[in-house]
């Protein structure tokens, strides 16, 4: 099987949704939702690339940390 074509890597993809709801003629509510790292992929950092590492805690090639996981925030604003 062969897969050709451009591929988009969605690691750490962010997503935003927004909508406005009318209340009266001159009054409306704006709602917004944001998701950072929306697909919740693990993003590693601090890989030990030194050989020999000289450390008994973090051996060569061992990952010692990860970035933040999925973060989301929502908000609403009343606009005159």
N, C-alpha and C. Protein backbone atom coordinates (compact mmCIF):
# COMPACT_ATOMS: atom_id res chain seq x y z
N UNK A 1 0.85 -1.18 0.00
CA UNK A 1 0.00 0.00 0.00
C UNK A 1 0.89 1.23 0.00
N UNK A 2 0.56 2.20 -0.82
CA UNK A 2 1.35 3.42 -0.91
C UNK A 2 0.43 4.62 -0.70
N UNK A 3 0.85 5.52 0.19
CA UNK A 3 0.07 6.72 0.47
C UNK A 3 0.86 7.95 0.04
N UNK A 4 0.42 8.59 -1.01
CA UNK A 4 1.08 9.79 -1.50
C UNK A 4 0.26 11.02 -1.15
N UNK A 5 0.94 12.15 -1.11
CA UNK A 5 0.24 13.41 -0.90
C UNK A 5 0.77 14.14 0.31
N UNK A 6 0.34 15.38 0.44
CA UNK A 6 0.79 16.18 1.58
C UNK A 6 0.12 15.69 2.86
N UNK A 7 0.88 15.65 3.92
CA UNK A 7 0.36 15.22 5.21
C UNK A 7 0.53 16.35 6.20
N UNK A 8 -0.49 16.61 6.96
CA UNK A 8 -0.46 17.66 7.97
C UNK A 8 -0.39 16.98 9.33
N UNK A 9 0.62 17.32 10.10
CA UNK A 9 0.75 16.76 11.44
C UNK A 9 0.01 17.67 12.41
N UNK A 10 -0.98 17.14 13.10
CA UNK A 10 -1.82 17.93 13.99
C UNK A 10 -1.43 17.77 15.45
N UNK A 11 -0.15 17.72 15.73
CA UNK A 11 0.31 17.63 17.11
C UNK A 11 0.24 19.02 17.72
N UNK A 12 -0.48 19.15 18.79
CA UNK A 12 -0.60 20.44 19.45
C UNK A 12 -1.57 21.38 18.74
N UNK A 13 -2.51 20.84 18.00
CA UNK A 13 -3.46 21.67 17.26
C UNK A 13 -4.38 22.43 18.22
N UNK A 14 -4.66 23.67 17.90
CA UNK A 14 -5.58 24.49 18.70
C UNK A 14 -6.89 24.65 17.96
N UNK A 15 -7.96 24.86 18.72
CA UNK A 15 -9.29 24.97 18.15
C UNK A 15 -10.02 26.10 18.87
N UNK A 16 -10.72 26.94 18.10
CA UNK A 16 -11.51 28.03 18.67
C UNK A 16 -12.89 28.05 18.04
N UNK A 17 -13.89 28.26 18.88
CA UNK A 17 -15.27 28.39 18.42
C UNK A 17 -15.85 29.64 19.05
N UNK A 18 -16.62 30.41 18.27
CA UNK A 18 -17.24 31.64 18.78
C UNK A 18 -18.61 31.81 18.15
N UNK A 19 -19.52 32.41 18.93
CA UNK A 19 -20.87 32.67 18.43
C UNK A 19 -21.44 33.87 19.17
N UNK A 20 -22.34 34.58 18.51
CA UNK A 20 -23.01 35.74 19.10
C UNK A 20 -24.50 35.46 19.14
N UNK A 21 -25.11 35.67 20.31
CA UNK A 21 -26.54 35.44 20.50
C UNK A 21 -27.22 36.77 20.78
N UNK A 22 -28.20 37.18 19.97
CA UNK A 22 -28.91 38.43 20.24
C UNK A 22 -29.88 38.27 21.41
N UNK A 23 -29.94 39.29 22.28
CA UNK A 23 -30.88 39.30 23.39
C UNK A 23 -31.98 40.31 23.11
N UNK A 24 -31.59 41.55 22.81
CA UNK A 24 -32.48 42.62 22.38
C UNK A 24 -31.85 43.25 21.15
N UNK A 25 -32.44 44.33 20.66
CA UNK A 25 -31.89 44.99 19.47
C UNK A 25 -30.46 45.47 19.68
N UNK A 26 -30.18 46.09 20.81
CA UNK A 26 -28.84 46.65 21.04
C UNK A 26 -28.05 45.84 22.07
N UNK A 27 -28.48 44.66 22.41
CA UNK A 27 -27.82 43.85 23.43
C UNK A 27 -27.62 42.43 22.90
N UNK A 28 -26.37 41.94 23.02
CA UNK A 28 -26.10 40.56 22.61
C UNK A 28 -25.03 39.95 23.50
N UNK A 29 -24.97 38.63 23.48
CA UNK A 29 -23.99 37.89 24.28
C UNK A 29 -23.03 37.22 23.30
N UNK A 30 -21.74 37.40 23.54
CA UNK A 30 -20.71 36.74 22.75
C UNK A 30 -20.14 35.58 23.56
N UNK A 31 -20.15 34.40 22.98
CA UNK A 31 -19.61 33.21 23.63
C UNK A 31 -18.40 32.73 22.85
N UNK A 32 -17.34 32.33 23.56
CA UNK A 32 -16.12 31.86 22.92
C UNK A 32 -15.56 30.68 23.70
N UNK A 33 -15.09 29.66 22.98
CA UNK A 33 -14.45 28.50 23.59
C UNK A 33 -13.15 28.23 22.84
N UNK A 34 -12.06 28.07 23.58
CA UNK A 34 -10.74 27.79 23.00
C UNK A 34 -10.21 26.50 23.60
N UNK A 35 -9.55 25.69 22.77
CA UNK A 35 -8.91 24.47 23.22
C UNK A 35 -7.50 24.44 22.66
N UNK A 36 -6.52 24.38 23.54
CA UNK A 36 -5.12 24.30 23.14
C UNK A 36 -4.69 22.85 23.29
N UNK A 37 -3.94 22.35 22.31
CA UNK A 37 -3.62 20.93 22.21
C UNK A 37 -4.92 20.14 22.20
N UNK A 38 -5.81 20.52 21.28
CA UNK A 38 -7.17 19.99 21.23
C UNK A 38 -7.22 18.47 21.05
N UNK A 39 -6.26 17.89 20.37
CA UNK A 39 -6.26 16.45 20.15
C UNK A 39 -5.60 15.69 21.30
N UNK A 40 -5.08 16.42 22.27
CA UNK A 40 -4.49 15.87 23.49
C UNK A 40 -3.36 14.88 23.22
N UNK A 41 -2.47 15.22 22.27
CA UNK A 41 -1.29 14.41 22.01
C UNK A 41 -0.23 14.72 23.05
N UNK A 42 0.51 13.71 23.45
CA UNK A 42 1.62 13.92 24.37
C UNK A 42 2.76 14.59 23.62
N UNK A 43 3.29 15.65 24.21
CA UNK A 43 4.41 16.37 23.59
C UNK A 43 5.58 16.28 24.56
N UNK A 44 6.54 15.41 24.23
CA UNK A 44 7.67 15.16 25.11
C UNK A 44 8.69 16.29 25.04
N UNK A 45 9.42 16.49 26.12
CA UNK A 45 10.55 17.41 26.12
C UNK A 45 11.64 16.83 27.02
N UNK A 46 12.78 17.45 27.02
CA UNK A 46 13.92 17.05 27.86
C UNK A 46 14.35 15.60 27.64
N UNK A 47 14.63 15.24 26.38
CA UNK A 47 15.16 13.91 26.08
C UNK A 47 16.66 13.96 26.30
N UNK A 48 17.19 13.00 27.05
CA UNK A 48 18.62 12.94 27.33
C UNK A 48 19.33 12.41 26.09
N UNK A 49 20.13 13.26 25.43
CA UNK A 49 20.82 12.89 24.20
C UNK A 49 22.32 12.72 24.39
N UNK A 50 22.78 12.71 25.63
CA UNK A 50 24.21 12.56 25.91
C UNK A 50 24.53 11.10 26.18
N UNK A 51 25.55 10.55 25.46
CA UNK A 51 25.98 9.18 25.71
C UNK A 51 27.47 9.17 25.95
N UNK A 52 28.00 8.61 26.96
CA UNK A 52 27.28 8.12 28.14
C UNK A 52 26.74 9.30 28.93
N UNK A 53 25.60 9.10 29.53
CA UNK A 53 24.90 10.21 30.17
C UNK A 53 25.55 10.66 31.46
N UNK A 54 26.20 9.75 32.19
CA UNK A 54 26.81 10.13 33.46
C UNK A 54 25.78 10.32 34.56
N UNK A 55 24.55 9.99 34.29
CA UNK A 55 23.48 10.12 35.26
C UNK A 55 22.80 8.77 35.45
N UNK A 56 22.56 8.40 36.68
CA UNK A 56 21.87 7.15 36.93
C UNK A 56 20.36 7.36 36.94
N UNK A 57 19.91 8.60 37.04
CA UNK A 57 18.48 8.88 37.07
C UNK A 57 17.89 8.95 35.67
N UNK A 58 18.57 9.64 34.73
CA UNK A 58 18.08 9.78 33.36
C UNK A 58 19.11 9.18 32.42
N UNK A 59 18.85 7.97 31.93
CA UNK A 59 19.76 7.29 31.04
C UNK A 59 19.61 7.83 29.62
N UNK A 60 20.53 7.43 28.73
CA UNK A 60 20.51 7.90 27.35
C UNK A 60 19.18 7.57 26.69
N UNK A 61 18.56 8.56 26.05
CA UNK A 61 17.30 8.39 25.35
C UNK A 61 16.07 8.45 26.24
N UNK A 62 16.26 8.62 27.54
CA UNK A 62 15.11 8.66 28.45
C UNK A 62 14.48 10.05 28.45
N UNK A 63 13.17 10.08 28.43
CA UNK A 63 12.42 11.33 28.47
C UNK A 63 12.19 11.70 29.93
N UNK A 64 12.51 12.94 30.29
CA UNK A 64 12.37 13.34 31.69
C UNK A 64 11.21 14.29 31.92
N UNK A 65 10.39 14.53 30.92
CA UNK A 65 9.26 15.44 31.12
C UNK A 65 8.36 15.52 29.91
N UNK A 66 7.23 16.18 30.10
CA UNK A 66 6.27 16.39 29.02
C UNK A 66 5.67 17.78 29.17
N UNK A 67 5.22 18.33 28.06
CA UNK A 67 4.56 19.64 28.11
C UNK A 67 3.15 19.49 28.64
N UNK A 68 2.47 20.62 28.81
CA UNK A 68 1.12 20.58 29.38
C UNK A 68 0.17 19.79 28.50
N UNK A 69 -0.83 19.23 29.13
CA UNK A 69 -1.84 18.44 28.43
C UNK A 69 -2.90 19.37 27.83
N UNK A 70 -4.01 18.83 27.50
CA UNK A 70 -5.12 19.59 26.91
C UNK A 70 -5.57 20.72 27.86
N UNK A 71 -5.64 21.93 27.34
CA UNK A 71 -6.09 23.08 28.11
C UNK A 71 -7.26 23.71 27.37
N UNK A 72 -8.34 23.99 28.08
CA UNK A 72 -9.48 24.64 27.44
C UNK A 72 -9.96 25.80 28.30
N UNK A 73 -10.57 26.76 27.63
CA UNK A 73 -11.15 27.90 28.34
C UNK A 73 -12.39 28.36 27.61
N UNK A 74 -13.36 28.80 28.38
CA UNK A 74 -14.61 29.29 27.83
C UNK A 74 -14.90 30.66 28.41
N UNK A 75 -15.63 31.46 27.67
CA UNK A 75 -15.96 32.79 28.17
C UNK A 75 -17.20 33.34 27.49
N UNK A 76 -17.88 34.21 28.21
CA UNK A 76 -19.07 34.88 27.67
C UNK A 76 -18.96 36.35 28.00
N UNK A 77 -19.44 37.19 27.09
CA UNK A 77 -19.36 38.64 27.27
C UNK A 77 -20.70 39.25 26.87
N UNK A 78 -21.22 40.09 27.73
CA UNK A 78 -22.45 40.83 27.45
C UNK A 78 -22.07 42.16 26.83
N UNK A 79 -22.55 42.42 25.62
CA UNK A 79 -22.16 43.63 24.87
C UNK A 79 -23.40 44.48 24.63
N UNK A 80 -23.27 45.77 24.94
CA UNK A 80 -24.37 46.71 24.71
C UNK A 80 -24.29 47.31 23.32
